[in-house]
Amino acid sequence: RTFAVSVLPAPLIGALIPGALPTKTIVTTAVAATQTAFYLAQSEAALSRATDAVALKSRSAAVCDTYANQGARSAAILPFTSALSSLCAAATAAIVEFPFVESLGQATAGGVVAQSLV
């Protein structure tokens, strides 16, 4: 239906114009050319909006990719920091326990209780 509505005006206008057949064909051709230019302009406007939307989406995807890469870089250091914090915790526990173990080797039963209270 839309196609018929967009095609019929040129022949109808050409048929209603008074004059000889060559005059009517020139008017019909001019109206058809005008319609073609109008629909071409409409399609180019829609195409430019679509191109702009694709560019916006591409730009957004690039920003998302940048943030994803930044997050991956930040997450890559987590195993190292986790291992480092485990090493620190183990070293702290060892430093805390060594004086108690040393006192066990030197003291008697009463001395162990006295050392553990200190």
PDB file of N, CA and C in Angstrom:
ATOM      1  N   ARG A   1       0.829  -1.194   0.000  1.00  0.00           N
ATOM      2  CA  ARG A   1       0.000   0.000   0.000  1.00  0.00           C
ATOM      3  C   ARG A   1       0.873   1.258   0.000  1.00  0.00           C
ATOM      4  N   THR A   2       1.934   1.269   0.791  1.00  0.00           N
ATOM      5  CA  THR A   2       2.808   2.435   0.862  1.00  0.00           C
ATOM      6  C   THR A   2       3.516   2.659  -0.473  1.00  0.00           C
ATOM      7  N   PHE A   3       3.899   1.549  -1.105  1.00  0.00           N
ATOM      8  CA  PHE A   3       4.559   1.671  -2.403  1.00  0.00           C
ATOM      9  C   PHE A   3       3.619   2.317  -3.432  1.00  0.00           C
ATOM     10  N   ALA A   4       2.379   1.883  -3.437  1.00  0.00           N
ATOM     11  CA  ALA A   4       1.402   2.436  -4.384  1.00  0.00           C
ATOM     12  C   ALA A   4       1.156   3.920  -4.107  1.00  0.00           C
ATOM     13  N   VAL A   5       1.083   4.288  -2.837  1.00  0.00           N
ATOM     14  CA  VAL A   5       0.852   5.691  -2.484  1.00  0.00           C
ATOM     15  C   VAL A   5       2.034   6.545  -2.909  1.00  0.00           C
ATOM     16  N   SER A   6       3.238   5.994  -2.832  1.00  0.00           N
ATOM     17  CA  SER A   6       4.410   6.788  -3.199  1.00  0.00           C
ATOM     18  C   SER A   6       4.665   6.818  -4.704  1.00  0.00           C
ATOM     19  N   VAL A   7       4.099   5.869  -5.458  1.00  0.00           N
ATOM     20  CA  VAL A   7       4.328   5.824  -6.899  1.00  0.00           C
ATOM     21  C   VAL A   7       3.226   6.537  -7.689  1.00  0.00           C
ATOM     22  N   LEU A   8       2.011   6.507  -7.215  1.00  0.00           N
ATOM     23  CA  LEU A   8       0.873   7.033  -7.973  1.00  0.00           C
ATOM     24  C   LEU A   8       0.826   8.551  -8.170  1.00  0.00           C
ATOM     25  N   PRO A   9       1.365   9.390  -7.313  1.00  0.00           N
ATOM     26  CA  PRO A   9       1.202  10.838  -7.527  1.00  0.00           C
ATOM     27  C   PRO A   9       1.761  11.354  -8.854  1.00  0.00           C
ATOM     28  N   ALA A  10       2.883  10.863  -9.305  1.00  0.00           N
ATOM     29  CA  ALA A  10       3.476  11.372 -10.551  1.00  0.00           C
ATOM     30  C   ALA A  10       2.575  11.099 -11.755  1.00  0.00           C
ATOM     31  N   PRO A  11       2.108   9.859 -11.982  1.00  0.00           N
ATOM     32  CA  PRO A  11       1.223   9.651 -13.130  1.00  0.00           C
ATOM     33  C   PRO A  11      -0.110  10.386 -13.004  1.00  0.00           C
ATOM     34  N   LEU A  12      -0.643  10.494 -11.788  1.00  0.00           N
ATOM     35  CA  LEU A  12      -1.913  11.204 -11.606  1.00  0.00           C
ATOM     36  C   LEU A  12      -1.763  12.690 -11.925  1.00  0.00           C
ATOM     37  N   ILE A  13      -0.693  13.285 -11.453  1.00  0.00           N
ATOM     38  CA  ILE A  13      -0.464  14.711 -11.742  1.00  0.00           C
ATOM     39  C   ILE A  13      -0.245  14.896 -13.239  1.00  0.00           C
ATOM     40  N   GLY A  14       0.514  13.973 -13.847  1.00  0.00           N
ATOM     41  CA  GLY A  14       0.744  14.066 -15.291  1.00  0.00           C
ATOM     42  C   GLY A  14      -0.540  13.922 -16.083  1.00  0.00           C
ATOM     43  N   ALA A  15      -1.461  13.088 -15.636  1.00  0.00           N
ATOM     44  CA  ALA A  15      -2.732  12.902 -16.343  1.00  0.00           C
ATOM     45  C   ALA A  15      -3.637  14.113 -16.183  1.00  0.00           C
ATOM     46  N   LEU A  16      -3.555  14.801 -15.055  1.00  0.00           N
ATOM     47  CA  LEU A  16      -4.431  15.948 -14.808  1.00  0.00           C
ATOM     48  C   LEU A  16      -3.922  17.236 -15.450  1.00  0.00           C
ATOM     49  N   ILE A  17      -2.661  17.299 -15.837  1.00  0.00           N
ATOM     50  CA  ILE A  17      -2.106  18.503 -16.450  1.00  0.00           C
ATOM     51  C   ILE A  17      -2.682  18.640 -17.873  1.00  0.00           C
ATOM     52  N   PRO A  18      -3.201  19.808 -18.215  1.00  0.00           N
ATOM     53  CA  PRO A  18      -3.709  19.982 -19.588  1.00  0.00           C
ATOM     54  C   PRO A  18      -2.545  20.162 -20.566  1.00  0.00           C
ATOM     55  N   GLY A  19      -2.735  19.700 -21.737  1.00  0.00           N
ATOM     56  CA  GLY A  19      -1.712  19.887 -22.766  1.00  0.00           C
ATOM     57  C   GLY A  19      -1.499  18.619 -23.544  1.00  0.00           C
ATOM     58  N   ALA A  20      -0.509  18.664 -24.430  1.00  0.00           N
ATOM     59  CA  ALA A  20      -0.191  17.521 -25.279  1.00  0.00           C
ATOM     60  C   ALA A  20       0.550  16.452 -24.475  1.00  0.00           C
ATOM     61  N   LEU A  21       0.692  15.275 -25.069  1.00  0.00           N
ATOM     62  CA  LEU A  21       1.349  14.133 -24.427  1.00  0.00           C
ATOM     63  C   LEU A  21       2.804  14.432 -24.056  1.00  0.00           C
ATOM     64  N   PRO A  22       3.582  15.090 -24.910  1.00  0.00           N
ATOM     65  CA  PRO A  22       4.971  15.400 -24.503  1.00  0.00           C
ATOM     66  C   PRO A  22       5.033  16.285 -23.251  1.00  0.00           C
ATOM     67  N   THR A  23       4.127  17.201 -23.107  1.00  0.00           N
ATOM     68  CA  THR A  23       4.091  18.062 -21.920  1.00  0.00           C
ATOM     69  C   THR A  23       3.750  17.243 -20.684  1.00  0.00           C
ATOM     70  N   LYS A  24       2.799  16.357 -20.822  1.00  0.00           N
ATOM     71  CA  LYS A  24       2.395  15.508 -19.697  1.00  0.00           C
ATOM     72  C   LYS A  24       3.537  14.585 -19.268  1.00  0.00           C
ATOM     73  N   THR A  25       4.269  14.042 -20.230  1.00  0.00           N
ATOM     74  CA  THR A  25       5.383  13.144 -19.870  1.00  0.00           C
ATOM     75  C   THR A  25       6.504  13.911 -19.183  1.00  0.00           C
ATOM     76  N   ILE A  26       6.761  15.141 -19.627  1.00  0.00           N
ATOM     77  CA  ILE A  26       7.801  15.956 -18.980  1.00  0.00           C
ATOM     78  C   ILE A  26       7.412  16.268 -17.532  1.00  0.00           C
ATOM     79  N   VAL A  27       6.148  16.638 -17.315  1.00  0.00           N
ATOM     80  CA  VAL A  27       5.673  16.921 -15.953  1.00  0.00           C
ATOM     81  C   VAL A  27       5.730  15.662 -15.097  1.00  0.00           C
ATOM     82  N   THR A  28       5.295  14.528 -15.658  1.00  0.00           N
ATOM     83  CA  THR A  28       5.327  13.258 -14.912  1.00  0.00           C
ATOM     84  C   THR A  28       6.758  12.894 -14.536  1.00  0.00           C
ATOM     85  N   THR A  29       7.673  13.046 -15.472  1.00  0.00           N
ATOM     86  CA  THR A  29       9.080  12.747 -15.205  1.00  0.00           C
ATOM     87  C   THR A  29       9.647  13.682 -14.145  1.00  0.00           C
ATOM     88  N   ALA A  30       9.307  14.950 -14.202  1.00  0.00           N
ATOM     89  CA  ALA A  30       9.807  15.919 -13.212  1.00  0.00           C
ATOM     90  C   ALA A  30       9.272  15.597 -11.818  1.00  0.00           C
ATOM     91  N   VAL A  31       7.990  15.269 -11.737  1.00  0.00           N
ATOM     92  CA  VAL A  31       7.409  14.916 -10.433  1.00  0.00           C
ATOM     93  C   VAL A  31       8.035  13.623  -9.903  1.00  0.00           C
ATOM     94  N   ALA A  32       8.242  12.653 -10.788  1.00  0.00           N
ATOM     95  CA  ALA A  32       8.862  11.395 -10.364  1.00  0.00           C
ATOM     96  C   ALA A  32      10.295  11.620  -9.892  1.00  0.00           C
ATOM     97  N   ALA A  33      11.032  12.489 -10.578  1.00  0.00           N
ATOM     98  CA  ALA A  33      12.402  12.805 -10.153  1.00  0.00           C
ATOM     99  C   ALA A  33      12.409  13.498  -8.793  1.00  0.00           C
ATOM    100  N   THR A  34      11.432  14.386  -8.606  1.00  0.00           N
ATOM    101  CA  THR A  34      11.316  15.069  -7.313  1.00  0.00           C
ATOM    102  C   THR A  34      11.010  14.067  -6.198  1.00  0.00           C
ATOM    103  N   GLN A  35      10.113  13.133  -6.473  1.00  0.00           N
ATOM    104  CA  GLN A  35       9.789  12.107  -5.478  1.00  0.00           C
ATOM    105  C   GLN A  35      11.014  11.242  -5.177  1.00  0.00           C
ATOM    106  N   THR A  36      11.744  10.894  -6.219  1.00  0.00           N
ATOM    107  CA  THR A  36      12.947  10.078  -6.034  1.00  0.00           C
ATOM    108  C   THR A  36      13.963  10.806  -5.167  1.00  0.00           C
ATOM    109  N   ALA A  37      14.170  12.090  -5.430  1.00  0.00           N
ATOM    110  CA  ALA A  37      15.113  12.877  -4.623  1.00  0.00           C
ATOM    111  C   ALA A  37      14.643  12.962  -3.175  1.00  0.00           C
ATOM    112  N   PHE A  38      13.332  13.131  -2.981  1.00  0.00           N
ATOM    113  CA  PHE A  38      12.787  13.203  -1.625  1.00  0.00           C
ATOM    114  C   PHE A  38      13.019  11.902  -0.865  1.00  0.00           C
ATOM    115  N   TYR A  39      12.695  10.761  -1.491  1.00  0.00           N
ATOM    116  CA  TYR A  39      12.879   9.473  -0.812  1.00  0.00           C
ATOM    117  C   TYR A  39      14.354   9.135  -0.625  1.00  0.00           C
ATOM    118  N   LEU A  40      15.199   9.571  -1.535  1.00  0.00           N
ATOM    119  CA  LEU A  40      16.639   9.383  -1.368  1.00  0.00           C
ATOM    120  C   LEU A  40      17.150  10.183  -0.170  1.00  0.00           C
ATOM    121  N   ALA A  41      16.668  11.422  -0.030  1.00  0.00           N
ATOM    122  CA  ALA A  41      17.066  12.239   1.123  1.00  0.00           C
ATOM    123  C   ALA A  41      16.590  11.615   2.425  1.00  0.00           C
ATOM    124  N   GLN A  42      15.369  11.076   2.419  1.00  0.00           N
ATOM    125  CA  GLN A  42      14.868  10.402   3.627  1.00  0.00           C
ATOM    126  C   GLN A  42      15.713   9.178   3.970  1.00  0.00           C
ATOM    127  N   SER A  43      16.066   8.389   2.975  1.00  0.00           N
ATOM    128  CA  SER A  43      16.860   7.188   3.237  1.00  0.00           C
ATOM    129  C   SER A  43      18.273   7.547   3.699  1.00  0.00           C
ATOM    130  N   GLU A  44      18.852   8.609   3.135  1.00  0.00           N
ATOM    131  CA  GLU A  44      20.169   9.042   3.595  1.00  0.00           C
ATOM    132  C   GLU A  44      20.125   9.564   5.026  1.00  0.00           C
ATOM    133  N   ALA A  45      19.041  10.232   5.391  1.00  0.00           N
ATOM    134  CA  ALA A  45      18.901  10.692   6.779  1.00  0.00           C
ATOM    135  C   ALA A  45      18.812   9.505   7.729  1.00  0.00           C
ATOM    136  N   ALA A  46      18.043   8.485   7.359  1.00  0.00           N
ATOM    137  CA  ALA A  46      17.945   7.291   8.203  1.00  0.00           C
ATOM    138  C   ALA A  46      19.286   6.569   8.281  1.00  0.00           C
ATOM    139  N   LEU A  47      19.993   6.511   7.156  1.00  0.00           N
ATOM    140  CA  LEU A  47      21.298   5.862   7.129  1.00  0.00           C
ATOM    141  C   LEU A  47      22.312   6.623   7.980  1.00  0.00           C
ATOM    142  N   SER A  48      22.264   7.943   7.953  1.00  0.00           N
ATOM    143  CA  SER A  48      23.192   8.724   8.779  1.00  0.00           C
ATOM    144  C   SER A  48      22.887   8.557  10.263  1.00  0.00           C
ATOM    145  N   ARG A  49      21.601   8.470  10.628  1.00  0.00           N
ATOM    146  CA  ARG A  49      21.259   8.201  12.029  1.00  0.00           C
ATOM    147  C   ARG A  49      21.756   6.827  12.456  1.00  0.00           C
ATOM    148  N   ALA A  50      21.619   5.841  11.570  1.00  0.00           N
ATOM    149  CA  ALA A  50      22.087   4.488  11.883  1.00  0.00           C
ATOM    150  C   ALA A  50      23.604   4.454  12.015  1.00  0.00           C
ATOM    151  N   THR A  51      24.299   5.155  11.138  1.00  0.00           N
ATOM    152  CA  THR A  51      25.761   5.208  11.218  1.00  0.00           C
ATOM    153  C   THR A  51      26.205   5.876  12.505  1.00  0.00           C
ATOM    154  N   ASP A  52      25.522   6.938  12.893  1.00  0.00           N
ATOM    155  CA  ASP A  52      25.835   7.616  14.150  1.00  0.00           C
ATOM    156  C   ASP A  52      25.578   6.697  15.343  1.00  0.00           C
ATOM    157  N   ALA A  53      24.495   5.934  15.302  1.00  0.00           N
ATOM    158  CA  ALA A  53      24.201   5.005  16.397  1.00  0.00           C
ATOM    159  C   ALA A  53      25.255   3.910  16.492  1.00  0.00           C
ATOM    160  N   VAL A  54      25.704   3.406  15.343  1.00  0.00           N
ATOM    161  CA  VAL A  54      26.755   2.378  15.343  1.00  0.00           C
ATOM    162  C   VAL A  54      28.055   2.954  15.888  1.00  0.00           C
ATOM    163  N   ALA A  55      28.382   4.183  15.517  1.00  0.00           N
ATOM    164  CA  ALA A  55      29.598   4.811  16.029  1.00  0.00           C
ATOM    165  C   ALA A  55      29.521   4.999  17.542  1.00  0.00           C
ATOM    166  N   LEU A  56      28.364   5.400  18.039  1.00  0.00           N
ATOM    167  CA  LEU A  56      28.191   5.560  19.478  1.00  0.00           C
ATOM    168  C   LEU A  56      28.346   4.230  20.197  1.00  0.00           C
ATOM    169  N   LYS A  57      27.752   3.178  19.635  1.00  0.00           N
ATOM    170  CA  LYS A  57      27.871   1.853  20.253  1.00  0.00           C
ATOM    171  C   LYS A  57      29.307   1.338  20.197  1.00  0.00           C
ATOM    172  N   SER A  58      30.002   1.619  19.114  1.00  0.00           N
ATOM    173  CA  SER A  58      31.404   1.207  19.006  1.00  0.00           C
ATOM    174  C   SER A  58      32.261   1.945  20.031  1.00  0.00           C
ATOM    175  N   ARG A  59      31.983   3.225  20.196  1.00  0.00           N
ATOM    176  CA  ARG A  59      32.724   4.007  21.186  1.00  0.00           C
ATOM    177  C   ARG A  59      32.447   3.484  22.598  1.00  0.00           C
ATOM    178  N   SER A  60      31.199   3.159  22.877  1.00  0.00           N
ATOM    179  CA  SER A  60      30.855   2.604  24.190  1.00  0.00           C
ATOM    180  C   SER A  60      31.522   1.243  24.402  1.00  0.00           C
ATOM    181  N   ALA A  61      31.561   0.434  23.353  1.00  0.00           N
ATOM    182  CA  ALA A  61      32.214  -0.879  23.467  1.00  0.00           C
ATOM    183  C   ALA A  61      33.704  -0.710  23.723  1.00  0.00           C
ATOM    184  N   ALA A  62      34.320   0.284  23.106  1.00  0.00           N
ATOM    185  CA  ALA A  62      35.744   0.519  23.332  1.00  0.00           C
ATOM    186  C   ALA A  62      36.003   0.949  24.772  1.00  0.00           C
ATOM    187  N   VAL A  63      35.140   1.804  25.303  1.00  0.00           N
ATOM    188  CA  VAL A  63      35.290   2.224  26.705  1.00  0.00           C
ATOM    189  C   VAL A  63      35.097   1.037  27.639  1.00  0.00           C
ATOM    190  N   CYS A  64      34.099   0.198  27.356  1.00  0.00           N
ATOM    191  CA  CYS A  64      33.880  -1.000  28.185  1.00  0.00           C
ATOM    192  C   CYS A  64      35.070  -1.935  28.119  1.00  0.00           C
ATOM    193  N   ASP A  65      35.651  -2.088  26.934  1.00  0.00           N
ATOM    194  CA  ASP A  65      36.819  -2.945  26.772  1.00  0.00           C
ATOM    195  C   ASP A  65      38.005  -2.393  27.557  1.00  0.00           C
ATOM    196  N   THR A  66      38.156  -1.077  27.551  1.00  0.00           N
ATOM    197  CA  THR A  66      39.242  -0.456  28.313  1.00  0.00           C
ATOM    198  C   THR A  66      39.076  -0.714  29.805  1.00  0.00           C
ATOM    199  N   TYR A  67      37.850  -0.552  30.310  1.00  0.00           N
ATOM    200  CA  TYR A  67      37.616  -0.809  31.727  1.00  0.00           C
ATOM    201  C   TYR A  67      37.792  -2.288  32.061  1.00  0.00           C
ATOM    202  N   ALA A  68      37.396  -3.173  31.158  1.00  0.00           N
ATOM    203  CA  ALA A  68      37.588  -4.609  31.392  1.00  0.00           C
ATOM    204  C   ALA A  68      39.065  -4.955  31.451  1.00  0.00           C
ATOM    205  N   ASN A  69      39.865  -4.359  30.574  1.00  0.00           N
ATOM    206  CA  ASN A  69      41.307  -4.601  30.604  1.00  0.00           C
ATOM    207  C   ASN A  69      41.937  -4.055  31.883  1.00  0.00           C
ATOM    208  N   GLN A  70      41.458  -2.905  32.315  1.00  0.00           N
ATOM    209  CA  GLN A  70      41.970  -2.324  33.558  1.00  0.00           C
ATOM    210  C   GLN A  70      41.625  -3.226  34.745  1.00  0.00           C
ATOM    211  N   GLY A  71      40.406  -3.761  34.748  1.00  0.00           N
ATOM    212  CA  GLY A  71      40.016  -4.691  35.813  1.00  0.00           C
ATOM    213  C   GLY A  71      40.828  -5.973  35.782  1.00  0.00           C
ATOM    214  N   ALA A  72      41.122  -6.469  34.587  1.00  0.00           N
ATOM    215  CA  ALA A  72      41.940  -7.680  34.475  1.00  0.00           C
ATOM    216  C   ALA A  72      43.351  -7.420  34.991  1.00  0.00           C
ATOM    217  N   ARG A  73      43.890  -6.237  34.708  1.00  0.00           N
ATOM    218  CA  ARG A  73      45.225  -5.905  35.235  1.00  0.00           C
ATOM    219  C   ARG A  73      45.197  -5.832  36.754  1.00  0.00           C
ATOM    220  N   SER A  74      44.146  -5.247  37.309  1.00  0.00           N
ATOM    221  CA  SER A  74      44.042  -5.157  38.762  1.00  0.00           C
ATOM    222  C   SER A  74      43.868  -6.534  39.391  1.00  0.00           C
ATOM    223  N   ALA A  75      43.112  -7.383  38.727  1.00  0.00           N
ATOM    224  CA  ALA A  75      42.877  -8.726  39.257  1.00  0.00           C
ATOM    225  C   ALA A  75      44.108  -9.610  39.112  1.00  0.00           C
ATOM    226  N   ALA A  76      44.993  -9.290  38.182  1.00  0.00           N
ATOM    227  CA  ALA A  76      46.183 -10.109  37.969  1.00  0.00           C
ATOM    228  C   ALA A  76      47.139 -10.029  39.147  1.00  0.00           C
ATOM    229  N   ILE A  77      47.100  -8.953  39.905  1.00  0.00           N
ATOM    230  CA  ILE A  77      48.011  -8.810  41.041  1.00  0.00           C
ATOM    231  C   ILE A  77      47.473  -9.494  42.297  1.00  0.00           C
ATOM    232  N   LEU A  78      46.196  -9.891  42.300  1.00  0.00           N
ATOM    233  CA  LEU A  78      45.602 -10.497  43.496  1.00  0.00           C
ATOM    234  C   LEU A  78      46.297 -11.780  43.946  1.00  0.00           C
ATOM    235  N   PRO A  79      46.660 -12.718  43.067  1.00  0.00           N
ATOM    236  CA  PRO A  79      47.363 -13.918  43.554  1.00  0.00           C
ATOM    237  C   PRO A  79      48.688 -13.570  44.228  1.00  0.00           C
ATOM    238  N   PHE A  80      49.412 -12.597  43.681  1.00  0.00           N
ATOM    239  CA  PHE A  80      50.672 -12.193  44.288  1.00  0.00           C
ATOM    240  C   PHE A  80      50.449 -11.606  45.675  1.00  0.00           C
ATOM    241  N   THR A  81      49.471 -10.711  45.794  1.00  0.00           N
ATOM    242  CA  THR A  81      49.210 -10.102  47.099  1.00  0.00           C
ATOM    243  C   THR A  81      48.685 -11.130  48.086  1.00  0.00           C
ATOM    244  N   SER A  82      47.903 -12.090  47.603  1.00  0.00           N
ATOM    245  CA  SER A  82      47.407 -13.146  48.483  1.00  0.00           C
ATOM    246  C   SER A  82      48.565 -13.997  48.996  1.00  0.00           C
ATOM    247  N   ALA A  83      49.483 -14.370  48.113  1.00  0.00           N
ATOM    248  CA  ALA A  83      50.641 -15.163  48.528  1.00  0.00           C
ATOM    249  C   ALA A  83      51.525 -14.361  49.469  1.00  0.00           C
ATOM    250  N   LEU A  84      51.673 -13.076  49.191  1.00  0.00           N
ATOM    251  CA  LEU A  84      52.485 -12.221  50.047  1.00  0.00           C
ATOM    252  C   LEU A  84      51.866 -12.073  51.436  1.00  0.00           C
ATOM    253  N   SER A  85      50.549 -11.924  51.496  1.00  0.00           N
ATOM    254  CA  SER A  85      49.899 -11.807  52.807  1.00  0.00           C
ATOM    255  C   SER A  85      49.969 -13.131  53.567  1.00  0.00           C
ATOM    256  N   SER A  86      49.900 -14.260  52.868  1.00  0.00           N
ATOM    257  CA  SER A  86      50.062 -15.563  53.533  1.00  0.00           C
ATOM    258  C   SER A  86      51.466 -15.713  54.078  1.00  0.00           C
ATOM    259  N   LEU A  87      52.463 -15.279  53.321  1.00  0.00           N
ATOM    260  CA  LEU A  87      53.845 -15.328  53.804  1.00  0.00           C
ATOM    261  C   LEU A  87      54.020 -14.455  55.035  1.00  0.00           C
ATOM    262  N   CYS A  88      53.441 -13.265  55.021  1.00  0.00           N
ATOM    263  CA  CYS A  88      53.532 -12.371  56.186  1.00  0.00           C
ATOM    264  C   CYS A  88      52.856 -12.984  57.406  1.00  0.00           C
ATOM    265  N   ALA A  89      51.696 -13.602  57.208  1.00  0.00           N
ATOM    266  CA  ALA A  89      51.001 -14.237  58.325  1.00  0.00           C
ATOM    267  C   ALA A  89      51.804 -15.406  58.881  1.00  0.00           C
ATOM    268  N   ALA A  90      52.404 -16.202  58.003  1.00  0.00           N
ATOM    269  CA  ALA A  90      53.221 -17.332  58.468  1.00  0.00           C
ATOM    270  C   ALA A  90      54.464 -16.843  59.184  1.00  0.00           C
ATOM    271  N   ALA A  91      55.098 -15.787  58.674  1.00  0.00           N
ATOM    272  CA  ALA A  91      56.287 -15.244  59.331  1.00  0.00           C
ATOM    273  C   ALA A  91      55.937 -14.668  60.696  1.00  0.00           C
ATOM    274  N   THR A  92      54.814 -14.008  60.791  1.00  0.00           N
ATOM    275  CA  THR A  92      54.381 -13.454  62.078  1.00  0.00           C
ATOM    276  C   THR A  92      54.106 -14.570  63.080  1.00  0.00           C
ATOM    277  N   ALA A  93      53.430 -15.601  62.645  1.00  0.00           N
ATOM    278  CA  ALA A  93      53.156 -16.728  63.541  1.00  0.00           C
ATOM    279  C   ALA A  93      54.446 -17.399  63.979  1.00  0.00           C
ATOM    280  N   ALA A  94      55.413 -17.542  63.068  1.00  0.00           N
ATOM    281  CA  ALA A  94      56.688 -18.163  63.423  1.00  0.00           C
ATOM    282  C   ALA A  94      57.461 -17.305  64.418  1.00  0.00           C
ATOM    283  N   ILE A  95      57.471 -15.998  64.218  1.00  0.00           N
ATOM    284  CA  ILE A  95      58.185 -15.100  65.137  1.00  0.00           C
ATOM    285  C   ILE A  95      57.549 -15.130  66.520  1.00  0.00           C
ATOM    286  N   VAL A  96      56.234 -15.218  66.571  1.00  0.00           N
ATOM    287  CA  VAL A  96      55.544 -15.250  67.855  1.00  0.00           C
ATOM    288  C   VAL A  96      55.798 -16.570  68.576  1.00  0.00           C
ATOM    289  N   GLU A  97      55.871 -17.672  67.845  1.00  0.00           N
ATOM    290  CA  GLU A  97      55.999 -18.990  68.462  1.00  0.00           C
ATOM    291  C   GLU A  97      57.429 -19.358  68.837  1.00  0.00           C
ATOM    292  N   PHE A  98      58.432 -18.812  68.187  1.00  0.00           N
ATOM    293  CA  PHE A  98      59.807 -19.232  68.469  1.00  0.00           C
ATOM    294  C   PHE A  98      60.243 -18.970  69.906  1.00  0.00           C
ATOM    295  N   PRO A  99      59.942 -17.853  70.552  1.00  0.00           N
ATOM    296  CA  PRO A  99      60.360 -17.683  71.959  1.00  0.00           C
ATOM    297  C   PRO A  99      59.710 -18.735  72.874  1.00  0.00           C
ATOM    298  N   PHE A 100      58.491 -19.120  72.594  1.00  0.00           N
ATOM    299  CA  PHE A 100      57.818 -20.123  73.417  1.00  0.00           C
ATOM    300  C   PHE A 100      58.477 -21.494  73.242  1.00  0.00           C
ATOM    301  N   VAL A 101      58.826 -21.857  72.041  1.00  0.00           N
ATOM    302  CA  VAL A 101      59.493 -23.136  71.773  1.00  0.00           C
ATOM    303  C   VAL A 101      60.872 -23.157  72.420  1.00  0.00           C
ATOM    304  N   GLU A 102      61.575 -22.039  72.361  1.00  0.00           N
ATOM    305  CA  GLU A 102      62.903 -21.940  72.987  1.00  0.00           C
ATOM    306  C   GLU A 102      62.797 -22.091  74.502  1.00  0.00           C
ATOM    307  N   SER A 103      61.766 -21.516  75.079  1.00  0.00           N
ATOM    308  CA  SER A 103      61.606 -21.616  76.530  1.00  0.00           C
ATOM    309  C   SER A 103      61.271 -23.035  76.953  1.00  0.00           C
ATOM    310  N   LEU A 104      60.620 -23.805  76.106  1.00  0.00           N
ATOM    311  CA  LEU A 104      60.320 -25.200  76.431  1.00  0.00           C
ATOM    312  C   LEU A 104      61.588 -26.030  76.547  1.00  0.00           C
ATOM    313  N   GLY A 105      62.551 -25.721  75.707  1.00  0.00           N
ATOM    314  CA  GLY A 105      63.802 -26.482  75.750  1.00  0.00           C
ATOM    315  C   GLY A 105      64.652 -26.128  76.947  1.00  0.00           C
ATOM    316  N   GLN A 106      64.552 -24.974  77.531  1.00  0.00           N
ATOM    317  CA  GLN A 106      65.433 -24.525  78.616  1.00  0.00           C
ATOM    318  C   GLN A 106      64.806 -24.671  80.004  1.00  0.00           C
ATOM    319  N   ALA A 107      63.536 -24.650  80.103  1.00  0.00           N
ATOM    320  CA  ALA A 107      62.905 -24.533  81.419  1.00  0.00           C
ATOM    321  C   ALA A 107      62.383 -25.880  81.902  1.00  0.00           C
ATOM    322  N   THR A 108      62.109 -25.904  83.169  1.00  0.00           N
ATOM    323  CA  THR A 108      61.454 -27.045  83.789  1.00  0.00           C
ATOM    324  C   THR A 108      59.959 -26.825  83.701  1.00  0.00           C
ATOM    325  N   ALA A 109      59.182 -27.663  84.348  1.00  0.00           N
ATOM    326  CA  ALA A 109      57.730 -27.555  84.282  1.00  0.00           C
ATOM    327  C   ALA A 109      57.244 -26.233  84.872  1.00  0.00           C
ATOM    328  N   GLY A 110      57.800 -25.801  85.958  1.00  0.00           N
ATOM    329  CA  GLY A 110      57.391 -24.529  86.565  1.00  0.00           C
ATOM    330  C   GLY A 110      57.831 -23.353  85.730  1.00  0.00           C
ATOM    331  N   GLY A 111      58.978 -23.480  85.099  1.00  0.00           N
ATOM    332  CA  GLY A 111      59.497 -22.392  84.276  1.00  0.00           C
ATOM    333  C   GLY A 111      58.658 -22.185  83.012  1.00  0.00           C
ATOM    334  N   VAL A 112      58.076 -23.264  82.479  1.00  0.00           N
ATOM    335  CA  VAL A 112      57.242 -23.161  81.293  1.00  0.00           C
ATOM    336  C   VAL A 112      56.001 -22.362  81.598  1.00  0.00           C
ATOM    337  N   VAL A 113      55.413 -22.622  82.770  1.00  0.00           N
ATOM    338  CA  VAL A 113      54.197 -21.887  83.155  1.00  0.00           C
ATOM    339  C   VAL A 113      54.542 -20.427  83.365  1.00  0.00           C
ATOM    340  N   ALA A 114      55.670 -20.152  83.968  1.00  0.00           N
ATOM    341  CA  ALA A 114      56.066 -18.765  84.221  1.00  0.00           C
ATOM    342  C   ALA A 114      56.375 -18.042  82.909  1.00  0.00           C
ATOM    343  N   GLN A 115      57.037 -18.749  81.968  1.00  0.00           N
ATOM    344  CA  GLN A 115      57.341 -18.137  80.679  1.00  0.00           C
ATOM    345  C   GLN A 115      56.075 -17.870  79.867  1.00  0.00           C
ATOM    346  N   SER A 116      55.105 -18.772  79.944  1.00  0.00           N
ATOM    347  CA  SER A 116      53.882 -18.586  79.155  1.00  0.00           C
ATOM    348  C   SER A 116      53.037 -17.448  79.701  1.00  0.00           C
ATOM    349  N   LEU A 117      53.163 -17.158  80.993  1.00  0.00           N
ATOM    350  CA  LEU A 117      52.402 -16.047  81.571  1.00  0.00           C
ATOM    351  C   LEU A 117      53.017 -14.700  81.226  1.00  0.00           C
ATOM    352  N   VAL A 118      54.285 -14.679  80.912  1.00  0.00           N
ATOM    353  CA  VAL A 118      54.962 -13.420  80.628  1.00  0.00           C
ATOM    354  C   VAL A 118      54.685 -12.947  79.272  1.00  0.00           C
TER     355      VAL A 118
END
